[in-house]
N, C-alpha and C. Protein backbone atom coordinates (compact mmCIF):
# COMPACT_ATOMS: atom_id res chain seq x y z
N MET A 1 -21.68 3.33 -1.51
CA MET A 1 -21.13 3.05 -1.60
C MET A 1 -21.30 1.71 -1.74
N ASP A 2 -20.88 1.00 -3.24
CA ASP A 2 -20.47 -0.07 -3.32
C ASP A 2 -20.60 -1.21 -2.09
N THR A 3 -21.31 -2.20 -2.26
CA THR A 3 -20.76 -3.10 -1.04
C THR A 3 -19.50 -4.13 -1.45
N ASN A 4 -19.46 -4.22 -2.57
CA ASN A 4 -18.77 -5.28 -3.06
C ASN A 4 -17.40 -4.71 -4.10
N ILE A 5 -16.76 -4.05 -3.56
CA ILE A 5 -15.35 -3.45 -4.51
C ILE A 5 -14.61 -4.56 -4.90
N ARG A 6 -14.27 -4.71 -5.87
CA ARG A 6 -13.61 -5.34 -6.37
C ARG A 6 -11.96 -5.14 -6.95
N LYS A 7 -11.73 -3.80 -7.31
CA LYS A 7 -10.34 -3.61 -7.61
C LYS A 7 -8.99 -4.19 -6.47
N PRO A 8 -8.20 -5.25 -6.95
CA PRO A 8 -6.81 -5.35 -6.39
C PRO A 8 -6.20 -4.42 -5.66
N ILE A 9 -6.11 -4.98 -4.69
CA ILE A 9 -4.98 -4.12 -3.69
C ILE A 9 -3.68 -4.90 -3.30
N LEU A 10 -3.29 -4.14 -3.26
CA LEU A 10 -1.95 -5.55 -2.66
C LEU A 10 -1.13 -4.96 -1.19
N VAL A 11 -1.17 -5.26 0.23
CA VAL A 11 -1.47 -5.29 1.34
C VAL A 11 0.15 -5.74 1.36
N ALA A 12 1.25 -5.11 1.87
CA ALA A 12 2.76 -5.24 1.98
C ALA A 12 2.81 -4.97 3.50
N GLU A 13 3.06 -6.06 4.05
CA GLU A 13 3.25 -5.94 5.72
C GLU A 13 3.89 -6.72 6.45
N ASP A 14 4.81 -6.30 6.93
CA ASP A 14 5.53 -7.61 7.55
C ASP A 14 5.08 -7.50 9.11
N SER A 15 4.19 -6.84 9.74
CA SER A 15 3.51 -7.68 11.13
C SER A 15 2.25 -8.33 10.42
N THR A 16 2.12 -9.43 11.35
CA THR A 16 1.08 -10.05 11.17
C THR A 16 -0.37 -9.14 11.39
N ALA A 17 -0.23 -9.25 12.75
CA ALA A 17 -1.38 -7.81 13.54
C ALA A 17 -1.88 -6.98 12.92
N MET A 18 -1.00 -6.17 12.14
CA MET A 18 -1.09 -4.74 11.07
C MET A 18 -1.54 -5.42 9.81
N ARG A 19 -0.70 -6.28 9.24
CA ARG A 19 -1.58 -7.02 7.74
C ARG A 19 -2.93 -6.96 8.14
N GLY A 20 -3.30 -8.28 8.96
CA GLY A 20 -4.59 -8.29 9.50
C GLY A 20 -5.14 -7.39 9.52
N ALA A 21 -5.09 -5.74 10.41
CA ALA A 21 -6.15 -4.86 10.68
C ALA A 21 -6.42 -4.39 9.20
N ILE A 22 -5.42 -4.38 8.29
CA ILE A 22 -5.34 -3.41 7.16
C ILE A 22 -6.35 -4.10 6.64
N GLN A 23 -6.42 -5.29 6.39
CA GLN A 23 -7.04 -6.27 5.58
C GLN A 23 -8.52 -6.18 6.22
N GLY A 24 -8.45 -6.43 7.53
CA GLY A 24 -10.11 -6.25 7.80
C GLY A 24 -10.97 -4.96 7.94
N PHE A 25 -9.74 -3.73 7.80
CA PHE A 25 -10.55 -2.55 7.44
C PHE A 25 -11.45 -1.88 6.10
N LEU A 26 -10.16 -3.07 4.92
CA LEU A 26 -10.61 -2.62 4.03
C LEU A 26 -12.15 -3.75 3.66
N ARG A 27 -11.84 -5.02 4.13
CA ARG A 27 -13.29 -5.49 4.32
C ARG A 27 -14.16 -5.22 4.67
N GLN A 28 -14.52 -4.81 5.58
CA GLN A 28 -15.61 -3.61 6.30
C GLN A 28 -16.01 -3.11 5.08
N GLU A 29 -15.12 -2.07 4.51
CA GLU A 29 -15.98 -1.34 3.47
C GLU A 29 -15.92 -1.76 1.92
N GLY A 30 -15.77 -3.10 1.70
CA GLY A 30 -16.70 -3.67 1.17
C GLY A 30 -15.63 -4.36 0.04
N PHE A 31 -14.33 -4.16 0.54
CA PHE A 31 -13.18 -4.71 -0.62
C PHE A 31 -12.97 -6.19 -0.27
N THR A 32 -12.93 -6.71 -1.84
CA THR A 32 -12.99 -8.01 -1.87
C THR A 32 -11.84 -8.41 -2.45
N ASN A 33 -11.07 -8.22 -3.03
CA ASN A 33 -9.94 -8.51 -3.76
C ASN A 33 -8.35 -8.01 -3.00
N ILE A 34 -8.29 -8.84 -2.25
CA ILE A 34 -6.98 -8.06 -1.24
C ILE A 34 -5.98 -9.17 -1.32
N ALA A 35 -4.65 -8.63 -1.98
CA ALA A 35 -3.61 -10.01 -1.52
C ALA A 35 -2.86 -9.14 -0.75
N LEU A 36 -1.81 -10.09 0.42
CA LEU A 36 -1.05 -10.03 1.84
C LEU A 36 0.40 -10.25 0.98
N ALA A 37 0.97 -9.30 1.45
CA ALA A 37 2.70 -10.00 1.78
C ALA A 37 3.54 -9.90 2.82
N PRO A 38 3.93 -10.78 3.56
CA PRO A 38 4.63 -10.30 4.05
C PRO A 38 6.03 -9.54 4.33
N ASP A 39 6.58 -8.85 3.19
CA ASP A 39 7.65 -8.15 2.72
C ASP A 39 7.62 -7.92 1.62
N GLY A 40 8.79 -7.16 1.24
CA GLY A 40 9.04 -6.85 -0.59
C GLY A 40 9.43 -7.33 -1.15
N VAL A 41 9.82 -8.51 -0.89
CA VAL A 41 10.19 -9.51 -2.16
C VAL A 41 8.99 -10.17 -2.41
N VAL A 42 7.92 -10.13 -1.43
CA VAL A 42 7.02 -11.13 -1.29
C VAL A 42 6.15 -9.88 -2.38
N ALA A 43 5.62 -9.24 -2.06
CA ALA A 43 5.22 -8.14 -2.77
C ALA A 43 5.62 -7.68 -4.34
N TRP A 44 7.15 -7.84 -4.68
CA TRP A 44 7.68 -7.87 -5.70
C TRP A 44 6.72 -8.43 -6.64
N ASN A 45 7.56 -9.83 -6.17
CA ASN A 45 6.72 -11.07 -6.95
C ASN A 45 5.15 -10.93 -7.04
N LEU A 46 4.34 -10.69 -6.08
CA LEU A 46 3.01 -10.62 -6.84
C LEU A 46 2.15 -9.99 -7.54
N LEU A 47 3.32 -8.29 -7.19
CA LEU A 47 3.63 -7.24 -8.45
C LEU A 47 3.39 -8.23 -9.91
N ASN A 48 4.73 -8.77 -10.11
CA ASN A 48 4.70 -8.97 -11.90
C ASN A 48 4.03 -10.32 -12.03
N LYS A 49 3.10 -11.26 -11.14
CA LYS A 49 1.92 -12.26 -11.32
C LYS A 49 0.62 -11.83 -11.63
N ALA A 50 0.41 -10.57 -11.30
CA ALA A 50 -0.58 -9.81 -10.86
C ALA A 50 -1.56 -8.78 -11.30
N GLU A 51 -2.24 -8.33 -11.65
CA GLU A 51 -2.59 -6.59 -11.73
C GLU A 51 -2.95 -5.99 -10.56
N PHE A 52 -2.93 -4.88 -9.75
CA PHE A 52 -3.16 -4.43 -9.02
C PHE A 52 -3.66 -2.18 -9.25
N ASP A 53 -4.71 -2.23 -8.39
CA ASP A 53 -5.26 -0.67 -8.73
C ASP A 53 -4.75 0.26 -7.84
N LEU A 54 -3.68 -0.56 -6.41
CA LEU A 54 -3.51 0.24 -5.13
C LEU A 54 -2.28 -0.73 -4.82
N VAL A 55 -0.92 -0.03 -4.00
CA VAL A 55 -0.33 -1.14 -3.18
C VAL A 55 -0.43 0.23 -2.26
N ILE A 56 -0.54 -1.10 -0.64
CA ILE A 56 -0.59 -0.59 0.26
C ILE A 56 0.94 -0.59 0.94
N SER A 57 2.04 -0.07 1.66
CA SER A 57 2.96 -0.66 1.97
C SER A 57 3.63 -0.39 3.40
N ASP A 58 4.17 -1.00 4.17
CA ASP A 58 4.77 -0.50 5.40
C ASP A 58 6.27 -0.39 4.18
N TRP A 59 6.94 0.55 4.98
CA TRP A 59 8.44 1.24 4.68
C TRP A 59 9.59 -0.15 5.46
N MET A 60 9.33 -0.25 6.44
CA MET A 60 10.10 -0.76 7.19
C MET A 60 10.03 -2.66 7.65
N MET A 61 10.83 -3.70 6.14
CA MET A 61 10.58 -4.64 6.52
C MET A 61 11.15 -5.64 5.86
N PRO A 62 11.28 -6.88 6.07
CA PRO A 62 13.02 -7.92 5.72
C PRO A 62 12.85 -7.76 4.39
N ARG A 63 13.78 -8.33 3.73
CA ARG A 63 14.39 -8.67 2.58
C ARG A 63 14.04 -7.64 1.41
N MET A 64 13.08 -6.67 1.64
CA MET A 64 13.04 -6.00 0.61
C MET A 64 11.94 -4.69 1.08
N SER A 65 12.96 -3.64 1.28
CA SER A 65 12.00 -2.70 2.11
C SER A 65 10.81 -1.79 1.40
N GLY A 66 9.63 -1.52 1.72
CA GLY A 66 8.50 -0.55 0.66
C GLY A 66 8.72 0.51 -0.15
N LEU A 67 10.29 1.11 0.53
CA LEU A 67 10.69 2.14 -0.18
C LEU A 67 10.99 1.35 -1.50
N ASP A 68 12.35 0.39 -1.40
CA ASP A 68 12.37 -0.59 -2.46
C ASP A 68 11.78 -0.56 -3.58
N VAL A 69 10.41 -1.76 -2.73
CA VAL A 69 9.62 -1.62 -3.91
C VAL A 69 9.19 -0.66 -4.90
N LEU A 70 8.78 0.61 -3.59
CA LEU A 70 8.41 1.68 -4.90
C LEU A 70 9.15 2.32 -5.71
N LYS A 71 10.42 1.90 -5.19
CA LYS A 71 11.43 2.71 -6.08
C LYS A 71 11.26 1.62 -7.33
N ASN A 72 11.42 0.47 -7.89
CA ASN A 72 10.91 -0.40 -8.28
C ASN A 72 10.08 -0.17 -9.28
N MET A 73 8.72 0.14 -8.78
CA MET A 73 7.61 0.01 -9.74
C MET A 73 7.96 1.58 -10.41
N ARG A 74 8.50 2.63 -9.91
CA ARG A 74 8.50 3.60 -10.25
C ARG A 74 9.72 3.23 -11.40
N GLN A 75 10.62 2.36 -11.97
CA GLN A 75 11.50 2.05 -12.94
C GLN A 75 10.56 1.11 -13.72
N SER A 76 9.40 0.70 -13.27
CA SER A 76 8.69 0.03 -14.40
C SER A 76 7.83 0.09 -15.03
N GLU A 77 7.74 0.19 -16.64
CA GLU A 77 6.57 0.55 -17.48
C GLU A 77 5.22 -0.14 -17.14
N PHE A 78 5.58 -1.41 -16.28
CA PHE A 78 4.27 -1.73 -15.74
C PHE A 78 3.51 -1.48 -14.60
N HIS A 79 4.55 -1.06 -14.76
CA HIS A 79 4.08 -0.65 -12.71
C HIS A 79 3.88 0.82 -12.07
N GLU A 80 4.81 1.25 -13.27
CA GLU A 80 4.47 3.29 -12.77
C GLU A 80 3.32 3.88 -12.45
N HIS A 81 2.37 3.15 -12.74
CA HIS A 81 1.31 3.96 -12.86
C HIS A 81 0.63 3.64 -11.59
N ILE A 82 0.74 2.94 -10.78
CA ILE A 82 -0.52 2.21 -10.08
C ILE A 82 -0.06 2.60 -8.89
N PRO A 83 -0.84 3.70 -7.86
CA PRO A 83 -0.67 4.47 -6.91
C PRO A 83 -0.41 3.75 -5.50
N PHE A 84 0.39 4.22 -5.19
CA PHE A 84 1.24 3.79 -3.77
C PHE A 84 1.68 4.33 -2.64
N LEU A 85 0.57 3.19 -1.41
CA LEU A 85 0.23 4.46 -0.43
C LEU A 85 1.24 3.82 0.89
N MET A 86 1.83 4.52 1.26
CA MET A 86 3.29 3.98 2.04
C MET A 86 2.81 4.54 3.79
N ILE A 87 2.99 3.00 4.61
CA ILE A 87 2.61 3.51 5.83
C ILE A 87 3.80 2.94 7.19
N THR A 88 4.10 3.95 7.71
CA THR A 88 4.97 3.68 8.50
C THR A 88 5.41 4.63 9.45
N ILE A 89 5.86 3.68 10.41
CA ILE A 89 6.47 4.73 11.86
C ILE A 89 7.10 5.87 11.86
N ARG A 90 8.03 5.92 10.14
CA ARG A 90 9.45 6.88 9.94
C ARG A 90 8.03 8.59 9.10
N ASP A 91 8.41 9.34 11.01
CA ASP A 91 7.70 10.58 10.68
C ASP A 91 8.34 12.09 10.41
N LYS A 92 9.68 11.33 10.02
CA LYS A 92 10.78 12.54 9.98
C LYS A 92 9.94 13.53 8.57
N ALA A 93 10.80 14.49 8.83
CA ALA A 93 10.59 15.19 7.36
C ALA A 93 11.39 14.92 5.84
N ASP A 94 12.52 14.32 5.95
CA ASP A 94 13.13 13.71 5.80
C ASP A 94 12.89 12.56 4.83
N ASP A 95 12.36 11.32 5.79
CA ASP A 95 11.53 10.51 5.17
C ASP A 95 10.34 10.50 3.74
N ILE A 96 9.72 11.69 4.99
CA ILE A 96 8.44 12.28 3.78
C ILE A 96 9.30 12.41 2.35
N LEU A 97 9.92 13.06 2.52
CA LEU A 97 10.28 13.57 1.23
C LEU A 97 11.43 13.10 0.08
N MET A 98 11.83 12.01 0.86
CA MET A 98 12.58 10.90 0.47
C MET A 98 11.57 10.23 -0.21
N ALA A 99 10.62 9.69 0.59
CA ALA A 99 9.05 9.08 -0.16
C ALA A 99 8.61 9.50 -1.42
N LYS A 100 8.32 10.70 -1.40
CA LYS A 100 7.72 11.54 -2.77
C LYS A 100 8.63 11.74 -3.70
N LYS A 101 10.41 11.88 -3.52
CA LYS A 101 11.43 11.83 -4.36
C LYS A 101 10.82 10.53 -5.06
N TYR A 102 10.87 9.65 -4.71
CA TYR A 102 10.65 8.26 -5.73
C TYR A 102 8.98 8.07 -5.99
N GLY A 103 8.13 8.61 -5.81
CA GLY A 103 6.97 9.12 -6.51
C GLY A 103 6.07 8.41 -5.81
N VAL A 104 5.50 8.22 -4.42
CA VAL A 104 4.88 7.49 -3.42
C VAL A 104 3.56 8.42 -3.74
N SER A 105 2.22 7.77 -3.68
CA SER A 105 0.63 8.58 -3.82
C SER A 105 0.75 9.41 -3.16
N ASP A 106 0.96 8.14 -1.46
CA ASP A 106 0.72 9.11 -0.01
C ASP A 106 1.13 8.90 0.92
N TYR A 107 1.08 9.27 2.23
CA TYR A 107 1.88 8.76 3.53
C TYR A 107 0.97 8.51 4.24
N ILE A 108 0.81 7.70 5.30
CA ILE A 108 0.14 7.20 6.20
C ILE A 108 1.54 7.29 7.47
N ILE A 109 1.01 7.86 8.84
CA ILE A 109 2.31 7.89 9.60
C ILE A 109 1.41 7.01 10.32
N LYS A 110 2.49 5.57 11.31
CA LYS A 110 1.57 5.41 12.07
C LYS A 110 1.52 5.81 13.81
N PRO A 111 0.50 5.47 14.94
CA PRO A 111 -0.22 4.98 14.00
C PRO A 111 -1.33 5.15 13.41
N PHE A 112 -2.60 4.76 12.68
CA PHE A 112 -3.40 5.48 11.95
C PHE A 112 -4.58 5.06 12.10
N THR A 113 -6.17 5.73 12.26
CA THR A 113 -7.23 5.11 12.31
C THR A 113 -8.03 4.80 10.60
N ALA A 114 -8.82 3.47 10.63
CA ALA A 114 -9.49 2.93 9.52
C ALA A 114 -10.38 4.34 9.05
N LYS A 115 -10.82 4.94 9.64
CA LYS A 115 -11.00 6.80 8.91
C LYS A 115 -10.01 6.79 7.97
N LEU A 116 -8.99 7.27 8.29
CA LEU A 116 -7.90 7.90 7.37
C LEU A 116 -7.77 6.82 6.47
N LEU A 117 -6.92 5.63 7.32
CA LEU A 117 -6.71 4.82 5.89
C LEU A 117 -7.89 4.69 4.58
N LEU A 118 -9.01 4.29 5.16
CA LEU A 118 -9.88 4.44 4.20
C LEU A 118 -10.44 6.01 3.36
N GLU A 119 -10.48 6.55 3.89
CA GLU A 119 -10.15 8.22 3.12
C GLU A 119 -8.94 7.96 1.93
N LYS A 120 -7.83 7.51 2.41
CA LYS A 120 -7.09 8.11 1.88
C LYS A 120 -7.20 6.95 0.19
N VAL A 121 -7.57 5.60 0.31
CA VAL A 121 -7.85 4.33 -0.37
C VAL A 121 -8.50 5.18 -1.32
N LYS A 122 -9.85 5.20 -1.22
CA LYS A 122 -10.57 5.98 -1.75
C LYS A 122 -10.14 7.25 -2.40
N MET A 123 -9.45 7.79 -2.12
CA MET A 123 -9.28 9.32 -2.80
C MET A 123 -7.98 8.28 -4.00
N LEU A 124 -7.05 7.26 -3.66
CA LEU A 124 -6.33 6.94 -5.01
C LEU A 124 -7.09 6.35 -5.50
N LEU A 125 -8.51 5.48 -5.35
CA LEU A 125 -8.96 4.67 -6.03
C LEU A 125 -10.27 5.23 -7.05
N ASN A 126 -10.20 6.64 -6.73
CA ASN A 126 -11.53 7.66 -7.14
C ASN A 126 -12.36 7.14 -6.85
N LEU A 127 -12.81 6.41 -5.84
CA LEU A 127 -14.45 5.80 -5.03
C LEU A 127 -14.66 7.02 -3.95
N ASP A 128 -15.66 7.82 -4.43
CA ASP A 128 -16.99 8.38 -3.30
C ASP A 128 -17.64 8.04 -2.94
């Protein structure tokens, strides 16, 4: 595996600790181009200013939820192709089906391991 992976990733998570943990897991794996957003509004603004190869987002965030970011992305010709990894405590089948309805690429239920996160990230970015 390349030790310096430059693929740009956007991490949207309102919990400072969780945002830092996700960033740390990614950095340990060699990802160096990581943008952080504390809520969906900031994430959406970043998406409209820069190009990303992957969005990792919490569902429940203030100002704009991760689900709303996903909906906006899938309705945008500029963002509809970007893989979207939802990380959330929402573990009900209805929640997972709703995320799939709106085009989520993959779904992780909190709590999760670094190994699981990195496996999903590599799969979504076609890295092996």
